[in-house]
Amino acid sequence: MKILTEYDAENFLEHEGFPLIQRKLCKTERDALKTAKTYCFPVVLKASSPTLLHKTEHNAVRTNVTEKNFHQHYNELMKLHPEGILVQPHIEGIPLLLGIKKDPTFGHVLAVGLGDIYTEIFKDVTFRILPANKKEILSMLDDLKSAQLFHTYRNKKIDIKKLNKILLTLSKLPEKYPNLEELDINPLFLNNYEATIADARIVLE
């Protein structure tokens, strides 16, 4: 079994044509600070390590990091002994969970739901057994209790076409990679003008 941690998983998805957030894996504080200034504060800092698969449990993700508290957050994350610190710009939007899991009975299953901190709070997730046709895939959002969220965001209409394209591309990955055991995208941020993956993890057989 091979586990692709966030940085490698995101590179894999980017290679497959998915929209990924800007990011850089930094080995020194100087490089991390320079990168953060390039993205413009506030930024997101993440400790990157194969031993930190579930980052929130280890407090390994810091959001809304400013230039003023950058040094403090960087040093606290380094105490977790990561291979590096991943620096990302801060973006806003509806957080989504997208995933694929290989079920021993049904085979590959596609999941869509509310993501980030809302995943465990609301448990608002729907599933489709793959392969599935286009109509079945594109109807997944309508199954969610939070479906109304996707009609407008901050009183502006969301371009669902971008998210639908991602879902359709994601649903075809098991055909290309039958050894795909798990794929977790959480969150993907959806707003008025983009759908962007901000975190991912992949497990291959």
C-alpha atoms as a PDB file:
ATOM      1  CA  MET A   1       0.000   0.000   0.000  1.00  0.00           C
ATOM      2  CA  LYS A   2       1.312   3.449  -0.938  1.00  0.00           C
ATOM      3  CA  ILE A   3       0.103   6.632   0.729  1.00  0.00           C
ATOM      4  CA  LEU A   4       0.473   9.959  -1.063  1.00  0.00           C
ATOM      5  CA  THR A   5       0.465  12.734   1.503  1.00  0.00           C
ATOM      6  CA  GLU A   6      -0.999  16.123   0.738  1.00  0.00           C
ATOM      7  CA  TYR A   7       1.857  17.599  -1.304  1.00  0.00           C
ATOM      8  CA  ASP A   8       2.304  14.507  -3.501  1.00  0.00           C
ATOM      9  CA  ALA A   9      -1.442  13.891  -3.756  1.00  0.00           C
ATOM     10  CA  GLU A  10      -2.027  17.451  -4.927  1.00  0.00           C
ATOM     11  CA  ASN A  11       0.735  17.128  -7.519  1.00  0.00           C
ATOM     12  CA  PHE A  12      -0.900  13.902  -8.739  1.00  0.00           C
ATOM     13  CA  LEU A  13      -4.299  15.582  -9.072  1.00  0.00           C
ATOM     14  CA  GLU A  14      -2.826  18.621 -10.785  1.00  0.00           C
ATOM     15  CA  HIS A  15      -1.159  16.306 -13.310  1.00  0.00           C
ATOM     16  CA  GLU A  16      -4.600  14.795 -13.966  1.00  0.00           C
ATOM     17  CA  GLY A  17      -6.020  18.223 -14.766  1.00  0.00           C
ATOM     18  CA  PHE A  18      -7.733  19.137 -11.503  1.00  0.00           C
ATOM     19  CA  PRO A  19      -7.660  22.785 -10.278  1.00  0.00           C
ATOM     20  CA  LEU A  20      -5.292  23.042  -7.310  1.00  0.00           C
ATOM     21  CA  ILE A  21      -4.608  25.912  -4.961  1.00  0.00           C
ATOM     22  CA  GLN A  22      -1.229  27.644  -5.211  1.00  0.00           C
ATOM     23  CA  ARG A  23       1.206  26.064  -2.785  1.00  0.00           C
ATOM     24  CA  LYS A  24       4.856  25.626  -1.964  1.00  0.00           C
ATOM     25  CA  LEU A  25       6.570  23.160   0.335  1.00  0.00           C
ATOM     26  CA  CYS A  26       9.145  25.157   2.278  1.00  0.00           C
ATOM     27  CA  LYS A  27      12.110  23.764   4.215  1.00  0.00           C
ATOM     28  CA  THR A  28      13.085  26.964   6.047  1.00  0.00           C
ATOM     29  CA  GLU A  29      11.233  29.770   7.783  1.00  0.00           C
ATOM     30  CA  ARG A  30      12.866  32.299   5.518  1.00  0.00           C
ATOM     31  CA  ASP A  31      11.532  30.573   2.418  1.00  0.00           C
ATOM     32  CA  ALA A  32       8.102  30.112   3.997  1.00  0.00           C
ATOM     33  CA  LEU A  33       7.865  33.792   4.925  1.00  0.00           C
ATOM     34  CA  LYS A  34       8.996  34.871   1.460  1.00  0.00           C
ATOM     35  CA  THR A  35       6.352  32.609  -0.095  1.00  0.00           C
ATOM     36  CA  ALA A  36       3.653  33.918   2.242  1.00  0.00           C
ATOM     37  CA  LYS A  37       4.460  37.488   1.253  1.00  0.00           C
ATOM     38  CA  THR A  38       4.216  36.489  -2.397  1.00  0.00           C
ATOM     39  CA  TYR A  39       0.719  35.078  -1.838  1.00  0.00           C
ATOM     40  CA  CYS A  40      -0.209  38.046   0.382  1.00  0.00           C
ATOM     41  CA  PHE A  41      -1.327  37.634   3.989  1.00  0.00           C
ATOM     42  CA  PRO A  42      -3.325  36.033   5.488  1.00  0.00           C
ATOM     43  CA  VAL A  43      -2.097  32.576   4.476  1.00  0.00           C
ATOM     44  CA  VAL A  44      -2.522  28.948   5.507  1.00  0.00           C
ATOM     45  CA  LEU A  45       0.362  26.926   6.972  1.00  0.00           C
ATOM     46  CA  LYS A  46       0.360  23.123   7.121  1.00  0.00           C
ATOM     47  CA  ALA A  47       2.881  20.695   8.574  1.00  0.00           C
ATOM     48  CA  SER A  48       3.707  18.174   5.858  1.00  0.00           C
ATOM     49  CA  SER A  49       4.667  14.660   6.957  1.00  0.00           C
ATOM     50  CA  PRO A  50       3.580  11.030   6.288  1.00  0.00           C
ATOM     51  CA  THR A  51       3.011  10.701  10.043  1.00  0.00           C
ATOM     52  CA  LEU A  52       0.459  13.533  10.044  1.00  0.00           C
ATOM     53  CA  LEU A  53      -2.241  12.104   7.796  1.00  0.00           C
ATOM     54  CA  HIS A  54      -5.085  13.622   9.840  1.00  0.00           C
ATOM     55  CA  LYS A  55      -3.728  17.102  10.398  1.00  0.00           C
ATOM     56  CA  THR A  56      -6.610  18.554  12.388  1.00  0.00           C
ATOM     57  CA  GLU A  57      -6.105  15.926  15.099  1.00  0.00           C
ATOM     58  CA  HIS A  58      -2.529  17.148  15.540  1.00  0.00           C
ATOM     59  CA  ASN A  59      -3.342  20.865  15.190  1.00  0.00           C
ATOM     60  CA  ALA A  60      -1.101  20.778  12.114  1.00  0.00           C
ATOM     61  CA  VAL A  61      -3.092  23.317  10.083  1.00  0.00           C
ATOM     62  CA  ARG A  62      -3.078  27.045  10.808  1.00  0.00           C
ATOM     63  CA  THR A  63      -5.463  29.329   8.949  1.00  0.00           C
ATOM     64  CA  ASN A  64      -5.616  33.122   8.706  1.00  0.00           C
ATOM     65  CA  VAL A  65      -1.914  33.405   9.531  1.00  0.00           C
ATOM     66  CA  THR A  66      -0.756  37.026   9.449  1.00  0.00           C
ATOM     67  CA  GLU A  67       2.730  38.445   9.144  1.00  0.00           C
ATOM     68  CA  LYS A  68       2.545  39.402  12.811  1.00  0.00           C
ATOM     69  CA  ASN A  69       1.934  35.863  14.118  1.00  0.00           C
ATOM     70  CA  PHE A  70       3.738  33.983  11.335  1.00  0.00           C
ATOM     71  CA  HIS A  71       6.858  33.203  13.392  1.00  0.00           C
ATOM     72  CA  GLN A  72       4.804  31.792  16.271  1.00  0.00           C
ATOM     73  CA  HIS A  73       2.729  29.484  14.063  1.00  0.00           C
ATOM     74  CA  TYR A  74       5.744  28.355  12.073  1.00  0.00           C
ATOM     75  CA  ASN A  75       7.681  27.371  15.200  1.00  0.00           C
ATOM     76  CA  GLU A  76       4.695  25.574  16.711  1.00  0.00           C
ATOM     77  CA  LEU A  77       4.247  23.527  13.537  1.00  0.00           C
ATOM     78  CA  MET A  78       7.941  22.671  13.371  1.00  0.00           C
ATOM     79  CA  LYS A  79       7.660  21.035  16.808  1.00  0.00           C
ATOM     80  CA  LEU A  80       5.595  18.336  15.074  1.00  0.00           C
ATOM     81  CA  HIS A  81       8.766  17.376  13.145  1.00  0.00           C
ATOM     82  CA  PRO A  82       7.365  17.721   9.624  1.00  0.00           C
ATOM     83  CA  GLU A  83       9.375  17.286   6.421  1.00  0.00           C
ATOM     84  CA  GLY A  84       8.458  20.846   5.558  1.00  0.00           C
ATOM     85  CA  ILE A  85       5.797  23.526   5.890  1.00  0.00           C
ATOM     86  CA  LEU A  86       3.259  23.856   3.106  1.00  0.00           C
ATOM     87  CA  VAL A  87       2.305  27.475   2.459  1.00  0.00           C
ATOM     88  CA  GLN A  88      -0.967  28.292   0.693  1.00  0.00           C
ATOM     89  CA  PRO A  89      -2.983  31.450   0.081  1.00  0.00           C
ATOM     90  CA  HIS A  90      -6.181  31.854   2.065  1.00  0.00           C
ATOM     91  CA  ILE A  91      -9.332  31.418  -0.021  1.00  0.00           C
ATOM     92  CA  GLU A  92     -13.016  31.467   0.896  1.00  0.00           C
ATOM     93  CA  GLY A  93     -16.026  29.576  -0.353  1.00  0.00           C
ATOM     94  CA  ILE A  94     -18.303  26.638   0.369  1.00  0.00           C
ATOM     95  CA  PRO A  95     -16.071  23.765   1.547  1.00  0.00           C
ATOM     96  CA  LEU A  96     -16.793  20.446  -0.108  1.00  0.00           C
ATOM     97  CA  LEU A  97     -15.711  16.891   0.486  1.00  0.00           C
ATOM     98  CA  LEU A  98     -15.082  14.823  -2.644  1.00  0.00           C
ATOM     99  CA  GLY A  99     -13.838  11.287  -2.394  1.00  0.00           C
ATOM    100  CA  ILE A 100     -13.424   7.832  -3.849  1.00  0.00           C
ATOM    101  CA  LYS A 101     -13.271   4.670  -1.787  1.00  0.00           C
ATOM    102  CA  LYS A 102     -12.857   1.076  -2.891  1.00  0.00           C
ATOM    103  CA  ASP A 103     -15.577  -0.889  -1.127  1.00  0.00           C
ATOM    104  CA  PRO A 104     -15.042  -4.677  -0.805  1.00  0.00           C
ATOM    105  CA  THR A 105     -18.646  -5.305  -1.921  1.00  0.00           C
ATOM    106  CA  PHE A 106     -19.516  -2.533  -4.379  1.00  0.00           C
ATOM    107  CA  GLY A 107     -16.114  -1.617  -5.757  1.00  0.00           C
ATOM    108  CA  HIS A 108     -15.255   2.045  -6.233  1.00  0.00           C
ATOM    109  CA  VAL A 109     -17.732   4.509  -4.728  1.00  0.00           C
ATOM    110  CA  LEU A 110     -17.846   8.279  -5.285  1.00  0.00           C
ATOM    111  CA  ALA A 111     -18.717  10.557  -2.339  1.00  0.00           C
ATOM    112  CA  VAL A 112     -19.746  14.220  -2.283  1.00  0.00           C
ATOM    113  CA  GLY A 113     -20.716  16.328   0.711  1.00  0.00           C
ATOM    114  CA  LEU A 114     -20.059  19.326   2.880  1.00  0.00           C
ATOM    115  CA  GLY A 115     -16.385  19.445   3.787  1.00  0.00           C
ATOM    116  CA  ASP A 116     -13.829  20.929   6.160  1.00  0.00           C
ATOM    117  CA  ILE A 117     -15.150  21.296   9.729  1.00  0.00           C
ATOM    118  CA  TYR A 118     -18.718  20.605   8.543  1.00  0.00           C
ATOM    119  CA  THR A 119     -17.969  17.014   7.503  1.00  0.00           C
ATOM    120  CA  GLU A 120     -18.302  15.619  11.017  1.00  0.00           C
ATOM    121  CA  ILE A 121     -20.808  18.194  12.248  1.00  0.00           C
ATOM    122  CA  PHE A 122     -23.535  17.705   9.639  1.00  0.00           C
ATOM    123  CA  LYS A 123     -22.523  14.391   8.033  1.00  0.00           C
ATOM    124  CA  ASP A 124     -24.185  15.639   4.851  1.00  0.00           C
ATOM    125  CA  VAL A 125     -22.737  13.231   2.265  1.00  0.00           C
ATOM    126  CA  THR A 126     -24.146  11.323  -0.712  1.00  0.00           C
ATOM    127  CA  PHE A 127     -22.701   8.394  -2.683  1.00  0.00           C
ATOM    128  CA  ARG A 128     -22.730   6.794  -6.140  1.00  0.00           C
ATOM    129  CA  ILE A 129     -21.396   3.383  -7.113  1.00  0.00           C
ATOM    130  CA  LEU A 130     -18.938   3.678 -10.003  1.00  0.00           C
ATOM    131  CA  PRO A 131     -19.020   3.528 -12.915  1.00  0.00           C
ATOM    132  CA  ALA A 132     -22.036   5.837 -13.052  1.00  0.00           C
ATOM    133  CA  ASN A 133     -23.517   7.793 -15.931  1.00  0.00           C
ATOM    134  CA  LYS A 134     -23.337  11.566 -16.284  1.00  0.00           C
ATOM    135  CA  LYS A 135     -26.904  12.120 -15.070  1.00  0.00           C
ATOM    136  CA  GLU A 136     -26.286  10.103 -11.895  1.00  0.00           C
ATOM    137  CA  ILE A 137     -23.078  12.013 -11.133  1.00  0.00           C
ATOM    138  CA  LEU A 138     -24.534  15.457 -11.754  1.00  0.00           C
ATOM    139  CA  SER A 139     -27.569  14.780  -9.550  1.00  0.00           C
ATOM    140  CA  MET A 140     -25.446  14.179  -6.444  1.00  0.00           C
ATOM    141  CA  LEU A 141     -25.553  17.761  -5.174  1.00  0.00           C
ATOM    142  CA  ASP A 142     -29.357  17.690  -5.265  1.00  0.00           C
ATOM    143  CA  ASP A 143     -29.301  14.796  -2.784  1.00  0.00           C
ATOM    144  CA  LEU A 144     -27.598  16.868  -0.100  1.00  0.00           C
ATOM    145  CA  LYS A 145     -29.552  18.529   2.694  1.00  0.00           C
ATOM    146  CA  SER A 146     -27.414  21.595   2.025  1.00  0.00           C
ATOM    147  CA  ALA A 147     -28.302  21.680  -1.702  1.00  0.00           C
ATOM    148  CA  GLN A 148     -29.680  25.225  -1.429  1.00  0.00           C
ATOM    149  CA  LEU A 149     -26.173  26.492  -0.618  1.00  0.00           C
ATOM    150  CA  PHE A 150     -25.053  25.762  -4.157  1.00  0.00           C
ATOM    151  CA  HIS A 151     -27.588  28.035  -5.791  1.00  0.00           C
ATOM    152  CA  THR A 152     -26.037  31.230  -4.417  1.00  0.00           C
ATOM    153  CA  TYR A 153     -22.946  32.238  -2.496  1.00  0.00           C
ATOM    154  CA  ARG A 154     -22.901  35.710  -0.961  1.00  0.00           C
ATOM    155  CA  ASN A 155     -25.893  36.615  -3.134  1.00  0.00           C
ATOM    156  CA  LYS A 156     -24.046  35.685  -6.323  1.00  0.00           C
ATOM    157  CA  LYS A 157     -24.729  32.752  -8.573  1.00  0.00           C
ATOM    158  CA  ILE A 158     -22.162  29.961  -8.406  1.00  0.00           C
ATOM    159  CA  ASP A 159     -20.861  28.413 -11.627  1.00  0.00           C
ATOM    160  CA  ILE A 160     -21.792  24.803 -10.902  1.00  0.00           C
ATOM    161  CA  LYS A 161     -20.344  23.787 -14.292  1.00  0.00           C
ATOM    162  CA  LYS A 162     -16.819  23.938 -12.856  1.00  0.00           C
ATOM    163  CA  LEU A 163     -17.730  21.623  -9.998  1.00  0.00           C
ATOM    164  CA  ASN A 164     -19.590  19.258 -12.326  1.00  0.00           C
ATOM    165  CA  LYS A 165     -16.508  18.992 -14.538  1.00  0.00           C
ATOM    166  CA  ILE A 166     -14.418  18.037 -11.505  1.00  0.00           C
ATOM    167  CA  LEU A 167     -16.958  15.414 -10.414  1.00  0.00           C
ATOM    168  CA  LEU A 168     -17.065  13.810 -13.845  1.00  0.00           C
ATOM    169  CA  THR A 169     -13.270  13.746 -14.107  1.00  0.00           C
ATOM    170  CA  LEU A 170     -12.998  12.318 -10.599  1.00  0.00           C
ATOM    171  CA  SER A 171     -15.526   9.578 -11.344  1.00  0.00           C
ATOM    172  CA  LYS A 172     -13.336   8.300 -14.185  1.00  0.00           C
ATOM    173  CA  LEU A 173     -10.107   8.024 -12.162  1.00  0.00           C
ATOM    174  CA  PRO A 174     -10.761   4.413 -11.007  1.00  0.00           C
ATOM    175  CA  GLU A 175     -10.899   3.321 -14.662  1.00  0.00           C
ATOM    176  CA  LYS A 176      -7.456   4.802 -15.215  1.00  0.00           C
ATOM    177  CA  TYR A 177      -6.085   3.763 -11.815  1.00  0.00           C
ATOM    178  CA  PRO A 178      -7.784   0.503 -10.719  1.00  0.00           C
ATOM    179  CA  ASN A 179      -5.314   0.313  -7.803  1.00  0.00           C
ATOM    180  CA  LEU A 180      -6.870   3.452  -6.309  1.00  0.00           C
ATOM    181  CA  GLU A 181      -7.890   2.479  -2.770  1.00  0.00           C
ATOM    182  CA  GLU A 182      -8.872   5.875  -1.353  1.00  0.00           C
ATOM    183  CA  LEU A 183      -8.908   9.469  -2.536  1.00  0.00           C
ATOM    184  CA  ASP A 184      -9.938  12.250  -0.177  1.00  0.00           C
ATOM    185  CA  ILE A 185     -10.325  15.851  -1.310  1.00  0.00           C
ATOM    186  CA  ASN A 186     -11.281  17.965   1.694  1.00  0.00           C
ATOM    187  CA  PRO A 187     -11.803  20.773   1.268  1.00  0.00           C
ATOM    188  CA  LEU A 188     -12.512  21.883  -2.244  1.00  0.00           C
ATOM    189  CA  PHE A 189     -13.603  25.517  -2.022  1.00  0.00           C
ATOM    190  CA  LEU A 190     -16.444  26.579  -4.282  1.00  0.00           C
ATOM    191  CA  ASN A 191     -17.230  30.259  -4.673  1.00  0.00           C
ATOM    192  CA  ASN A 192     -18.506  32.708  -7.270  1.00  0.00           C
ATOM    193  CA  TYR A 193     -15.609  32.348  -9.660  1.00  0.00           C
ATOM    194  CA  GLU A 194     -13.675  29.140  -8.981  1.00  0.00           C
ATOM    195  CA  ALA A 195     -13.651  25.605  -7.629  1.00  0.00           C
ATOM    196  CA  THR A 196     -10.265  24.926  -6.041  1.00  0.00           C
ATOM    197  CA  ILE A 197      -8.819  21.913  -4.247  1.00  0.00           C
ATOM    198  CA  ALA A 198      -7.027  22.943  -1.051  1.00  0.00           C
ATOM    199  CA  ASP A 199      -6.185  19.562   0.498  1.00  0.00           C
ATOM    200  CA  ALA A 200      -5.994  15.952  -0.656  1.00  0.00           C
ATOM    201  CA  ARG A 201      -4.830  12.478   0.333  1.00  0.00           C
ATOM    202  CA  ILE A 202      -4.497   9.364  -1.833  1.00  0.00           C
ATOM    203  CA  VAL A 203      -3.998   5.698  -0.953  1.00  0.00           C
ATOM    204  CA  LEU A 204      -2.932   3.230  -3.666  1.00  0.00           C
ATOM    205  CA  GLU A 205      -2.904  -0.552  -3.339  1.00  0.00           C
END
